[in-house]
C-alpha atoms as a PDB file:
ATOM      1  CA  MET A   1      66.003  72.681 117.578  1.00  0.00           C
ATOM      2  CA  SER A   2      69.598  71.473 117.947  1.00  0.00           C
ATOM      3  CA  ASP A   3      69.669  70.465 114.247  1.00  0.00           C
ATOM      4  CA  SER A   4      68.694  73.968 113.143  1.00  0.00           C
ATOM      5  CA  ILE A   5      71.365  75.509 115.383  1.00  0.00           C
ATOM      6  CA  HIS A   6      73.947  73.095 113.989  1.00  0.00           C
ATOM      7  CA  VAL A   7      72.965  73.971 110.390  1.00  0.00           C
ATOM      8  CA  MET A   8      73.053  77.679 111.232  1.00  0.00           C
ATOM      9  CA  LYS A   9      76.556  77.341 112.715  1.00  0.00           C
ATOM     10  CA  LYS A  10      77.719  75.619 109.520  1.00  0.00           C
ATOM     11  CA  HIS A  11      76.290  78.433 107.395  1.00  0.00           C
ATOM     12  CA  ILE A  12      77.902  81.096 109.570  1.00  0.00           C
ATOM     13  CA  ALA A  13      81.273  79.293 109.395  1.00  0.00           C
ATOM     14  CA  LEU A  14      80.971  78.928 105.617  1.00  0.00           C
ATOM     15  CA  ILE A  15      80.110  82.614 105.172  1.00  0.00           C
ATOM     16  CA  GLY A  16      83.018  83.591 107.459  1.00  0.00           C
ATOM     17  CA  CYS A  17      85.446  81.486 105.411  1.00  0.00           C
ATOM     18  CA  LEU A  18      84.190  83.005 102.155  1.00  0.00           C
ATOM     19  CA  VAL A  19      84.610  86.538 103.535  1.00  0.00           C
ATOM     20  CA  VAL A  20      88.175  85.834 104.710  1.00  0.00           C
ATOM     21  CA  PHE A  21      89.065  84.163 101.388  1.00  0.00           C
ATOM     22  CA  GLY A  22      87.591  87.072  99.429  1.00  0.00           C
ATOM     23  CA  PHE A  23      89.582  89.561 101.501  1.00  0.00           C
ATOM     24  CA  LEU A  24      92.835  87.641 101.005  1.00  0.00           C
ATOM     25  CA  ALA A  25      92.253  87.281  97.267  1.00  0.00           C
ATOM     26  CA  GLY A  26      91.607  91.022  96.959  1.00  0.00           C
ATOM     27  CA  CYS A  27      94.837  91.888  98.802  1.00  0.00           C
ATOM     28  CA  ASP A  28      96.877  90.093  96.156  1.00  0.00           C
ATOM     29  CA  GLN A  29      95.897  92.492  93.377  1.00  0.00           C
ATOM     30  CA  LYS A  30      98.066  95.448  92.357  1.00  0.00           C
ATOM     31  CA  SER A  31      96.533  98.879  92.093  1.00  0.00           C
ATOM     32  CA  ALA A  32      96.290 100.498  88.675  1.00  0.00           C
ATOM     33  CA  PRO A  33      99.595 102.036  87.503  1.00  0.00           C
ATOM     34  CA  LEU A  34      99.995 105.806  87.804  1.00  0.00           C
ATOM     35  CA  LYS A  35     101.925 105.876  84.512  1.00  0.00           C
ATOM     36  CA  GLU A  36     103.071 103.290  81.996  1.00  0.00           C
ATOM     37  CA  GLY A  37     104.977 103.286  78.749  1.00  0.00           C
ATOM     38  CA  VAL A  38     108.472 103.452  77.260  1.00  0.00           C
ATOM     39  CA  ILE A  39     111.206 104.336  79.762  1.00  0.00           C
ATOM     40  CA  TRP A  40     114.084 106.478  78.490  1.00  0.00           C
ATOM     41  CA  LYS A  41     116.014 106.696  81.734  1.00  0.00           C
ATOM     42  CA  VAL A  42     115.834 105.390  85.274  1.00  0.00           C
ATOM     43  CA  VAL A  43     118.499 105.996  87.913  1.00  0.00           C
ATOM     44  CA  TRP A  44     118.263 104.579  91.405  1.00  0.00           C
ATOM     45  CA  SER A  45     120.373 104.177  94.509  1.00  0.00           C
ATOM     46  CA  GLU A  46     120.350 101.054  96.648  1.00  0.00           C
ATOM     47  CA  THR A  47     122.875 102.588  99.062  1.00  0.00           C
ATOM     48  CA  PRO A  48     123.714 106.245  99.802  1.00  0.00           C
ATOM     49  CA  THR A  49     127.080 105.962  98.018  1.00  0.00           C
ATOM     50  CA  SER A  50     126.147 104.127  94.801  1.00  0.00           C
ATOM     51  CA  GLN A  51     123.888 104.744  91.829  1.00  0.00           C
ATOM     52  CA  SER A  52     122.751 102.423  89.038  1.00  0.00           C
ATOM     53  CA  GLY A  53     120.922 103.261  85.857  1.00  0.00           C
ATOM     54  CA  LEU A  54     119.275 101.940  82.729  1.00  0.00           C
ATOM     55  CA  PHE A  55     119.297 104.203  79.676  1.00  0.00           C
ATOM     56  CA  ARG A  56     117.569 103.884  76.310  1.00  0.00           C
ATOM     57  CA  MET A  57     120.228 105.997  74.575  1.00  0.00           C
ATOM     58  CA  LYS A  58     122.944 103.864  73.028  1.00  0.00           C
ATOM     59  CA  THR A  59     125.950 106.128  73.529  1.00  0.00           C
ATOM     60  CA  LEU A  60     127.473 107.351  76.729  1.00  0.00           C
ATOM     61  CA  PRO A  61     126.837 111.082  77.067  1.00  0.00           C
ATOM     62  CA  THR A  62     129.789 113.442  77.524  1.00  0.00           C
ATOM     63  CA  ASN A  63     128.662 114.676  80.935  1.00  0.00           C
ATOM     64  CA  SER A  64     129.155 112.391  83.903  1.00  0.00           C
ATOM     65  CA  GLN A  65     126.287 109.948  84.261  1.00  0.00           C
ATOM     66  CA  PRO A  66     125.893 107.210  86.846  1.00  0.00           C
ATOM     67  CA  ALA A  67     127.118 103.740  86.021  1.00  0.00           C
ATOM     68  CA  GLY A  68     124.622 101.584  84.257  1.00  0.00           C
ATOM     69  CA  GLU A  69     123.545  99.923  81.055  1.00  0.00           C
ATOM     70  CA  TYR A  70     123.048 101.903  77.840  1.00  0.00           C
ATOM     71  CA  GLY A  71     120.969 100.903  74.804  1.00  0.00           C
ATOM     72  CA  VAL A  72     118.350  99.157  76.941  1.00  0.00           C
ATOM     73  CA  GLU A  73     114.903  98.914  75.359  1.00  0.00           C
ATOM     74  CA  MET A  74     112.366  98.791  78.172  1.00  0.00           C
ATOM     75  CA  THR A  75     108.860  99.665  79.210  1.00  0.00           C
ATOM     76  CA  GLY A  76     107.614 100.298  82.694  1.00  0.00           C
ATOM     77  CA  LYS A  77     104.670 100.699  84.992  1.00  0.00           C
ATOM     78  CA  LEU A  78     104.879 103.219  87.810  1.00  0.00           C
ATOM     79  CA  TYR A  79     102.903 102.310  90.930  1.00  0.00           C
ATOM     80  CA  PRO A  80     102.628 104.392  94.117  1.00  0.00           C
ATOM     81  CA  THR A  81     105.356 102.402  95.886  1.00  0.00           C
ATOM     82  CA  PHE A  82     107.514 100.922  93.103  1.00  0.00           C
ATOM     83  CA  LEU A  83     108.497 100.899  89.431  1.00  0.00           C
ATOM     84  CA  GLU A  84     108.127  97.683  87.429  1.00  0.00           C
ATOM     85  CA  ILE A  85     110.515  97.501  84.458  1.00  0.00           C
ATOM     86  CA  GLN A  86     110.137  95.058  81.579  1.00  0.00           C
ATOM     87  CA  ARG A  87     113.066  94.799  79.174  1.00  0.00           C
ATOM     88  CA  THR A  88     112.154  94.104  75.552  1.00  0.00           C
ATOM     89  CA  GLY A  89     112.631  90.401  74.827  1.00  0.00           C
ATOM     90  CA  SER A  90     112.731  89.380  78.509  1.00  0.00           C
ATOM     91  CA  SER A  91     110.035  87.539  80.416  1.00  0.00           C
ATOM     92  CA  HIS A  92     111.265  88.842  83.783  1.00  0.00           C
ATOM     93  CA  SER A  93     110.404  92.133  85.443  1.00  0.00           C
ATOM     94  CA  GLN A  94     112.671  94.247  87.591  1.00  0.00           C
ATOM     95  CA  ILE A  95     111.127  95.984  90.600  1.00  0.00           C
ATOM     96  CA  ILE A  96     112.653  99.175  92.000  1.00  0.00           C
ATOM     97  CA  PRO A  97     111.181 100.660  95.190  1.00  0.00           C
ATOM     98  CA  MET A  98     110.032 104.260  94.806  1.00  0.00           C
ATOM     99  CA  SER A  99     112.231 105.303  97.743  1.00  0.00           C
ATOM    100  CA  GLN A 100     115.361 104.366  95.704  1.00  0.00           C
ATOM    101  CA  ILE A 101     114.467 106.154  92.442  1.00  0.00           C
ATOM    102  CA  LEU A 102     116.478 109.322  91.796  1.00  0.00           C
ATOM    103  CA  GLN A 103     115.569 109.992  88.135  1.00  0.00           C
ATOM    104  CA  LEU A 104     112.823 108.615  85.928  1.00  0.00           C
ATOM    105  CA  GLU A 105     111.953 109.628  82.394  1.00  0.00           C
ATOM    106  CA  PHE A 106     109.125 108.186  80.314  1.00  0.00           C
ATOM    107  CA  GLY A 107     108.917 108.910  76.572  1.00  0.00           C
ATOM    108  CA  GLU A 108     107.674 107.636  73.230  1.00  0.00           C
END
C-alpha cells in the first residue's frame, strides 16, 4: 500500500510541475497585434516636456513638428500596451509604451 501511495505522490508532483511549466510558457507569448504594417509617423513623449518622433517623409515639413528622425523606413506592430517598431535593415526592435504615444500613422 505504501508503494502505491508513493507512486501516486510522484505522479501528482509530476502533473503539478507540468501544469506550472505550461502556465509559465504560455505567459511568455505576445498577443496577436491589433495592427501591423508600414509606419509613416510616430510621435511619443517620454516626459511631459519633450517629444520624439520617427517620420517616413524625407523632408522637414514647414509647420512645426517635434524633433526626430526623418526619412526612416520602418514597419510596426501595434499591441494593446505597446508599439514595436522595426527599422528596415536593422535586426533590433524599438518598443514604445502605448501610454507615451501621441501620434501614430500607418500607411502603405
